[in-house]
Amino acid sequence: MNFVKTLVAAGLVAASAMPARALDISGAGSTFVYPILAKWADSYKKETGTGVNYQSIAPAAVSSRFRTGP
């Protein structure tokens, strides 16, 4: 039983010593908001380390995706 406790404690210590890794956020939508969103995304990445991947797509493509799915 002590061996198991020691093993669990060692695993917790090892896991807490590893730096957390932020995931990037992805999305797609309006071409109208893209310029300001790109500025915000750059500022957000500098502050948090998390990137924002935004793809601007035309309104016709949005309605097409909405009807047919991804």
PDB file of N, CA and C in Angstrom:
ATOM      1  N   MET A   1       0.825  -1.202   0.000  1.00  0.00           N
ATOM      2  CA  MET A   1       0.000   0.000   0.000  1.00  0.00           C
ATOM      3  C   MET A   1       0.864   1.258   0.000  1.00  0.00           C
ATOM      4  N   ASN A   2       1.954   1.248   0.755  1.00  0.00           N
ATOM      5  CA  ASN A   2       2.841   2.408   0.763  1.00  0.00           C
ATOM      6  C   ASN A   2       3.455   2.646  -0.607  1.00  0.00           C
ATOM      7  N   PHE A   3       3.750   1.556  -1.322  1.00  0.00           N
ATOM      8  CA  PHE A   3       4.331   1.676  -2.655  1.00  0.00           C
ATOM      9  C   PHE A   3       3.359   2.405  -3.593  1.00  0.00           C
ATOM     10  N   VAL A   4       2.092   2.064  -3.500  1.00  0.00           N
ATOM     11  CA  VAL A   4       1.077   2.695  -4.350  1.00  0.00           C
ATOM     12  C   VAL A   4       0.968   4.185  -4.013  1.00  0.00           C
ATOM     13  N   LYS A   5       0.958   4.510  -2.732  1.00  0.00           N
ATOM     14  CA  LYS A   5       0.878   5.924  -2.322  1.00  0.00           C
ATOM     15  C   LYS A   5       2.097   6.697  -2.823  1.00  0.00           C
ATOM     16  N   THR A   6       3.265   6.082  -2.725  1.00  0.00           N
ATOM     17  CA  THR A   6       4.485   6.724  -3.193  1.00  0.00           C
ATOM     18  C   THR A   6       4.435   6.934  -4.702  1.00  0.00           C
ATOM     19  N   LEU A   7       3.944   5.928  -5.413  1.00  0.00           N
ATOM     20  CA  LEU A   7       3.840   6.023  -6.866  1.00  0.00           C
ATOM     21  C   LEU A   7       2.858   7.116  -7.281  1.00  0.00           C
ATOM     22  N   VAL A   8       1.736   7.206  -6.620  1.00  0.00           N
ATOM     23  CA  VAL A   8       0.737   8.238  -6.913  1.00  0.00           C
ATOM     24  C   VAL A   8       1.309   9.618  -6.596  1.00  0.00           C
ATOM     25  N   ALA A   9       1.979   9.747  -5.466  1.00  0.00           N
ATOM     26  CA  ALA A   9       2.574  11.030  -5.088  1.00  0.00           C
ATOM     27  C   ALA A   9       3.632  11.456  -6.100  1.00  0.00           C
ATOM     28  N   ALA A  10       4.453  10.522  -6.557  1.00  0.00           N
ATOM     29  CA  ALA A  10       5.482  10.834  -7.546  1.00  0.00           C
ATOM     30  C   ALA A  10       4.840  11.276  -8.864  1.00  0.00           C
ATOM     31  N   GLY A  11       3.759  10.640  -9.247  1.00  0.00           N
ATOM     32  CA  GLY A  11       3.056  11.022 -10.466  1.00  0.00           C
ATOM     33  C   GLY A  11       2.465  12.416 -10.370  1.00  0.00           C
ATOM     34  N   LEU A  12       1.912  12.758  -9.216  1.00  0.00           N
ATOM     35  CA  LEU A  12       1.348  14.094  -9.017  1.00  0.00           C
ATOM     36  C   LEU A  12       2.431  15.164  -9.058  1.00  0.00           C
ATOM     37  N   VAL A  13       3.557  14.882  -8.444  1.00  0.00           N
ATOM     38  CA  VAL A  13       4.664  15.834  -8.462  1.00  0.00           C
ATOM     39  C   VAL A  13       5.162  16.033  -9.890  1.00  0.00           C
ATOM     40  N   ALA A  14       5.322  14.942 -10.628  1.00  0.00           N
ATOM     41  CA  ALA A  14       5.797  15.034 -12.012  1.00  0.00           C
ATOM     42  C   ALA A  14       4.799  15.804 -12.879  1.00  0.00           C
ATOM     43  N   ALA A  15       3.520  15.549 -12.697  1.00  0.00           N
ATOM     44  CA  ALA A  15       2.492  16.223 -13.500  1.00  0.00           C
ATOM     45  C   ALA A  15       2.434  17.713 -13.182  1.00  0.00           C
ATOM     46  N   SER A  16       2.617  18.077 -11.926  1.00  0.00           N
ATOM     47  CA  SER A  16       2.549  19.490 -11.559  1.00  0.00           C
ATOM     48  C   SER A  16       3.797  20.245 -11.993  1.00  0.00           C
ATOM     49  N   ALA A  17       4.882  19.541 -12.237  1.00  0.00           N
ATOM     50  CA  ALA A  17       6.114  20.194 -12.670  1.00  0.00           C
ATOM     51  C   ALA A  17       6.091  20.536 -14.153  1.00  0.00           C
ATOM     52  N   MET A  18       5.219  19.898 -14.931  1.00  0.00           N
ATOM     53  CA  MET A  18       5.133  20.173 -16.364  1.00  0.00           C
ATOM     54  C   MET A  18       4.345  21.448 -16.603  1.00  0.00           C
ATOM     55  N   PRO A  19       4.810  22.292 -17.506  1.00  0.00           N
ATOM     56  CA  PRO A  19       4.048  23.514 -17.785  1.00  0.00           C
ATOM     57  C   PRO A  19       2.739  23.187 -18.504  1.00  0.00           C
ATOM     58  N   ALA A  20       1.711  23.968 -18.201  1.00  0.00           N
ATOM     59  CA  ALA A  20       0.421  23.786 -18.875  1.00  0.00           C
ATOM     60  C   ALA A  20       0.549  24.296 -20.305  1.00  0.00           C
ATOM     61  N   ARG A  21      -0.143  23.661 -21.217  1.00  0.00           N
ATOM     62  CA  ARG A  21      -0.102  24.075 -22.622  1.00  0.00           C
ATOM     63  C   ARG A  21      -1.475  24.564 -23.038  1.00  0.00           C
ATOM     64  N   ALA A  22      -1.513  25.778 -23.509  1.00  0.00           N
ATOM     65  CA  ALA A  22      -2.782  26.347 -23.948  1.00  0.00           C
ATOM     66  C   ALA A  22      -3.110  25.867 -25.361  1.00  0.00           C
ATOM     67  N   LEU A  23      -4.351  25.639 -25.607  1.00  0.00           N
ATOM     68  CA  LEU A  23      -4.803  25.248 -26.937  1.00  0.00           C
ATOM     69  C   LEU A  23      -5.241  26.495 -27.692  1.00  0.00           C
ATOM     70  N   ASP A  24      -5.106  26.461 -28.996  1.00  0.00           N
ATOM     71  CA  ASP A  24      -5.578  27.569 -29.816  1.00  0.00           C
ATOM     72  C   ASP A  24      -7.091  27.462 -30.003  1.00  0.00           C
ATOM     73  N   ILE A  25      -7.704  28.601 -30.213  1.00  0.00           N
ATOM     74  CA  ILE A  25      -9.143  28.677 -30.438  1.00  0.00           C
ATOM     75  C   ILE A  25      -9.360  28.891 -31.935  1.00  0.00           C
ATOM     76  N   SER A  26     -10.239  28.109 -32.546  1.00  0.00           N
ATOM     77  CA  SER A  26     -10.496  28.230 -33.978  1.00  0.00           C
ATOM     78  C   SER A  26     -11.962  28.555 -34.235  1.00  0.00           C
ATOM     79  N   GLY A  27     -12.192  29.322 -35.283  1.00  0.00           N
ATOM     80  CA  GLY A  27     -13.558  29.648 -35.657  1.00  0.00           C
ATOM     81  C   GLY A  27     -13.593  30.248 -37.050  1.00  0.00           C
ATOM     82  N   ALA A  28     -14.773  30.447 -37.563  1.00  0.00           N
ATOM     83  CA  ALA A  28     -14.949  31.035 -38.881  1.00  0.00           C
ATOM     84  C   ALA A  28     -16.242  31.843 -38.900  1.00  0.00           C
ATOM     85  N   GLY A  29     -16.271  32.847 -39.753  1.00  0.00           N
ATOM     86  CA  GLY A  29     -17.481  33.638 -39.843  1.00  0.00           C
ATOM     87  C   GLY A  29     -17.298  34.865 -40.706  1.00  0.00           C
ATOM     88  N   SER A  30     -17.911  35.939 -40.297  1.00  0.00           N
ATOM     89  CA  SER A  30     -18.056  37.166 -41.070  1.00  0.00           C
ATOM     90  C   SER A  30     -16.731  37.773 -41.541  1.00  0.00           C
ATOM     91  N   THR A  31     -16.730  38.227 -42.789  1.00  0.00           N
ATOM     92  CA  THR A  31     -15.578  38.959 -43.316  1.00  0.00           C
ATOM     93  C   THR A  31     -15.570  40.386 -42.768  1.00  0.00           C
ATOM     94  N   PHE A  32     -16.732  40.895 -42.375  1.00  0.00           N
ATOM     95  CA  PHE A  32     -16.858  42.260 -41.875  1.00  0.00           C
ATOM     96  C   PHE A  32     -16.068  42.469 -40.586  1.00  0.00           C
ATOM     97  N   VAL A  33     -16.107  41.506 -39.672  1.00  0.00           N
ATOM     98  CA  VAL A  33     -15.440  41.671 -38.372  1.00  0.00           C
ATOM     99  C   VAL A  33     -13.983  41.226 -38.385  1.00  0.00           C
ATOM    100  N   TYR A  34     -13.525  40.635 -39.472  1.00  0.00           N
ATOM    101  CA  TYR A  34     -12.166  40.083 -39.504  1.00  0.00           C
ATOM    102  C   TYR A  34     -11.060  41.077 -39.130  1.00  0.00           C
ATOM    103  N   PRO A  35     -11.043  42.309 -39.684  1.00  0.00           N
ATOM    104  CA  PRO A  35      -9.932  43.214 -39.354  1.00  0.00           C
ATOM    105  C   PRO A  35      -9.792  43.492 -37.857  1.00  0.00           C
ATOM    106  N   ILE A  36     -10.889  43.771 -37.188  1.00  0.00           N
ATOM    107  CA  ILE A  36     -10.801  44.058 -35.751  1.00  0.00           C
ATOM    108  C   ILE A  36     -10.542  42.785 -34.956  1.00  0.00           C
ATOM    109  N   LEU A  37     -11.109  41.688 -35.400  1.00  0.00           N
ATOM    110  CA  LEU A  37     -10.883  40.422 -34.711  1.00  0.00           C
ATOM    111  C   LEU A  37      -9.410  40.013 -34.800  1.00  0.00           C
ATOM    112  N   ALA A  38      -8.768  40.280 -35.920  1.00  0.00           N
ATOM    113  CA  ALA A  38      -7.350  39.960 -36.071  1.00  0.00           C
ATOM    114  C   ALA A  38      -6.504  40.761 -35.080  1.00  0.00           C
ATOM    115  N   LYS A  39      -6.847  42.033 -34.869  1.00  0.00           N
ATOM    116  CA  LYS A  39      -6.134  42.856 -33.884  1.00  0.00           C
ATOM    117  C   LYS A  39      -6.353  42.313 -32.473  1.00  0.00           C
ATOM    118  N   TRP A  40      -7.594  41.994 -32.152  1.00  0.00           N
ATOM    119  CA  TRP A  40      -7.898  41.462 -30.827  1.00  0.00           C
ATOM    120  C   TRP A  40      -7.193  40.138 -30.598  1.00  0.00           C
ATOM    121  N   ALA A  41      -7.171  39.299 -31.632  1.00  0.00           N
ATOM    122  CA  ALA A  41      -6.538  37.988 -31.512  1.00  0.00           C
ATOM    123  C   ALA A  41      -5.047  38.130 -31.236  1.00  0.00           C
ATOM    124  N   ASP A  42      -4.402  39.100 -31.895  1.00  0.00           N
ATOM    125  CA  ASP A  42      -2.978  39.329 -31.669  1.00  0.00           C
ATOM    126  C   ASP A  42      -2.727  39.782 -30.228  1.00  0.00           C
ATOM    127  N   SER A  43      -3.524  40.706 -29.745  1.00  0.00           N
ATOM    128  CA  SER A  43      -3.390  41.175 -28.354  1.00  0.00           C
ATOM    129  C   SER A  43      -3.652  40.045 -27.364  1.00  0.00           C
ATOM    130  N   TYR A  44      -4.667  39.248 -27.642  1.00  0.00           N
ATOM    131  CA  TYR A  44      -5.021  38.139 -26.755  1.00  0.00           C
ATOM    132  C   TYR A  44      -3.879  37.130 -26.664  1.00  0.00           C
ATOM    133  N   LYS A  45      -3.248  36.837 -27.805  1.00  0.00           N
ATOM    134  CA  LYS A  45      -2.145  35.874 -27.806  1.00  0.00           C
ATOM    135  C   LYS A  45      -0.959  36.409 -27.019  1.00  0.00           C
ATOM    136  N   LYS A  46      -0.682  37.701 -27.144  1.00  0.00           N
ATOM    137  CA  LYS A  46       0.418  38.298 -26.377  1.00  0.00           C
ATOM    138  C   LYS A  46       0.164  38.222 -24.880  1.00  0.00           C
ATOM    139  N   GLU A  47      -1.076  38.405 -24.473  1.00  0.00           N
ATOM    140  CA  GLU A  47      -1.429  38.397 -23.051  1.00  0.00           C
ATOM    141  C   GLU A  47      -1.521  36.992 -22.460  1.00  0.00           C
ATOM    142  N   THR A  48      -2.063  36.055 -23.230  1.00  0.00           N
ATOM    143  CA  THR A  48      -2.374  34.740 -22.657  1.00  0.00           C
ATOM    144  C   THR A  48      -1.541  33.597 -23.222  1.00  0.00           C
ATOM    145  N   GLY A  49      -0.982  33.788 -24.403  1.00  0.00           N
ATOM    146  CA  GLY A  49      -0.263  32.696 -25.051  1.00  0.00           C
ATOM    147  C   GLY A  49      -1.175  31.784 -25.860  1.00  0.00           C
ATOM    148  N   THR A  50      -2.460  32.050 -25.830  1.00  0.00           N
ATOM    149  CA  THR A  50      -3.430  31.254 -26.580  1.00  0.00           C
ATOM    150  C   THR A  50      -3.751  31.960 -27.894  1.00  0.00           C
ATOM    151  N   GLY A  51      -3.580  31.262 -28.998  1.00  0.00           N
ATOM    152  CA  GLY A  51      -3.850  31.844 -30.302  1.00  0.00           C
ATOM    153  C   GLY A  51      -5.305  31.709 -30.700  1.00  0.00           C
ATOM    154  N   VAL A  52      -5.741  32.624 -31.544  1.00  0.00           N
ATOM    155  CA  VAL A  52      -7.092  32.582 -32.089  1.00  0.00           C
ATOM    156  C   VAL A  52      -6.960  32.463 -33.602  1.00  0.00           C
ATOM    157  N   ASN A  53      -7.485  31.381 -34.152  1.00  0.00           N
ATOM    158  CA  ASN A  53      -7.457  31.147 -35.590  1.00  0.00           C
ATOM    159  C   ASN A  53      -8.861  31.414 -36.132  1.00  0.00           C
ATOM    160  N   TYR A  54      -9.027  32.551 -36.801  1.00  0.00           N
ATOM    161  CA  TYR A  54     -10.335  32.934 -37.327  1.00  0.00           C
ATOM    162  C   TYR A  54     -10.259  33.011 -38.842  1.00  0.00           C
ATOM    163  N   GLN A  55     -11.120  32.302 -39.511  1.00  0.00           N
ATOM    164  CA  GLN A  55     -11.166  32.332 -40.970  1.00  0.00           C
ATOM    165  C   GLN A  55     -12.409  33.090 -41.399  1.00  0.00           C
ATOM    166  N   SER A  56     -12.182  34.160 -42.129  1.00  0.00           N
ATOM    167  CA  SER A  56     -13.343  34.912 -42.626  1.00  0.00           C
ATOM    168  C   SER A  56     -13.836  34.245 -43.900  1.00  0.00           C
ATOM    169  N   ILE A  57     -15.143  34.047 -43.958  1.00  0.00           N
ATOM    170  CA  ILE A  57     -15.737  33.413 -45.139  1.00  0.00           C
ATOM    171  C   ILE A  57     -16.929  34.246 -45.608  1.00  0.00           C
ATOM    172  N   ALA A  58     -17.190  34.202 -46.888  1.00  0.00           N
ATOM    173  CA  ALA A  58     -18.270  34.986 -47.499  1.00  0.00           C
ATOM    174  C   ALA A  58     -19.637  34.517 -46.995  1.00  0.00           C
ATOM    175  N   PRO A  59     -20.610  35.428 -46.958  1.00  0.00           N
ATOM    176  CA  PRO A  59     -21.950  35.068 -46.486  1.00  0.00           C
ATOM    177  C   PRO A  59     -22.572  33.880 -47.229  1.00  0.00           C
ATOM    178  N   ALA A  60     -22.334  33.774 -48.519  1.00  0.00           N
ATOM    179  CA  ALA A  60     -22.905  32.653 -49.275  1.00  0.00           C
ATOM    180  C   ALA A  60     -22.341  31.321 -48.782  1.00  0.00           C
ATOM    181  N   ALA A  61     -21.061  31.304 -48.430  1.00  0.00           N
ATOM    182  CA  ALA A  61     -20.444  30.081 -47.922  1.00  0.00           C
ATOM    183  C   ALA A  61     -20.996  29.723 -46.546  1.00  0.00           C
ATOM    184  N   VAL A  62     -21.288  30.748 -45.744  1.00  0.00           N
ATOM    185  CA  VAL A  62     -21.861  30.492 -44.416  1.00  0.00           C
ATOM    186  C   VAL A  62     -23.217  29.820 -44.544  1.00  0.00           C
ATOM    187  N   SER A  63     -24.083  30.368 -45.395  1.00  0.00           N
ATOM    188  CA  SER A  63     -25.429  29.773 -45.542  1.00  0.00           C
ATOM    189  C   SER A  63     -25.335  28.389 -46.157  1.00  0.00           C
ATOM    190  N   SER A  64     -24.382  28.169 -47.054  1.00  0.00           N
ATOM    191  CA  SER A  64     -24.188  26.852 -47.642  1.00  0.00           C
ATOM    192  C   SER A  64     -23.759  25.840 -46.580  1.00  0.00           C
ATOM    193  N   ARG A  65     -22.822  26.240 -45.729  1.00  0.00           N
ATOM    194  CA  ARG A  65     -22.365  25.345 -44.654  1.00  0.00           C
ATOM    195  C   ARG A  65     -23.491  25.073 -43.664  1.00  0.00           C
ATOM    196  N   PHE A  66     -24.301  26.093 -43.394  1.00  0.00           N
ATOM    197  CA  PHE A  66     -25.401  25.931 -42.453  1.00  0.00           C
ATOM    198  C   PHE A  66     -26.401  24.899 -42.952  1.00  0.00           C
ATOM    199  N   ARG A  67     -26.680  24.932 -44.259  1.00  0.00           N
ATOM    200  CA  ARG A  67     -27.654  23.986 -44.825  1.00  0.00           C
ATOM    201  C   ARG A  67     -27.094  22.573 -44.939  1.00  0.00           C
ATOM    202  N   THR A  68     -25.813  22.455 -45.305  1.00  0.00           N
ATOM    203  CA  THR A  68     -25.249  21.119 -45.570  1.00  0.00           C
ATOM    204  C   THR A  68     -24.442  20.557 -44.417  1.00  0.00           C
ATOM    205  N   GLY A  69     -24.036  21.388 -43.484  1.00  0.00           N
ATOM    206  CA  GLY A  69     -23.196  20.919 -42.379  1.00  0.00           C
ATOM    207  C   GLY A  69     -21.728  21.042 -42.753  1.00  0.00           C
ATOM    208  N   PRO A  70     -20.856  20.809 -41.757  1.00  0.00           N
ATOM    209  CA  PRO A  70     -19.414  20.977 -41.996  1.00  0.00           C
ATOM    210  C   PRO A  70     -18.862  19.964 -42.981  1.00  0.00           C
TER     211      PRO A  70
END
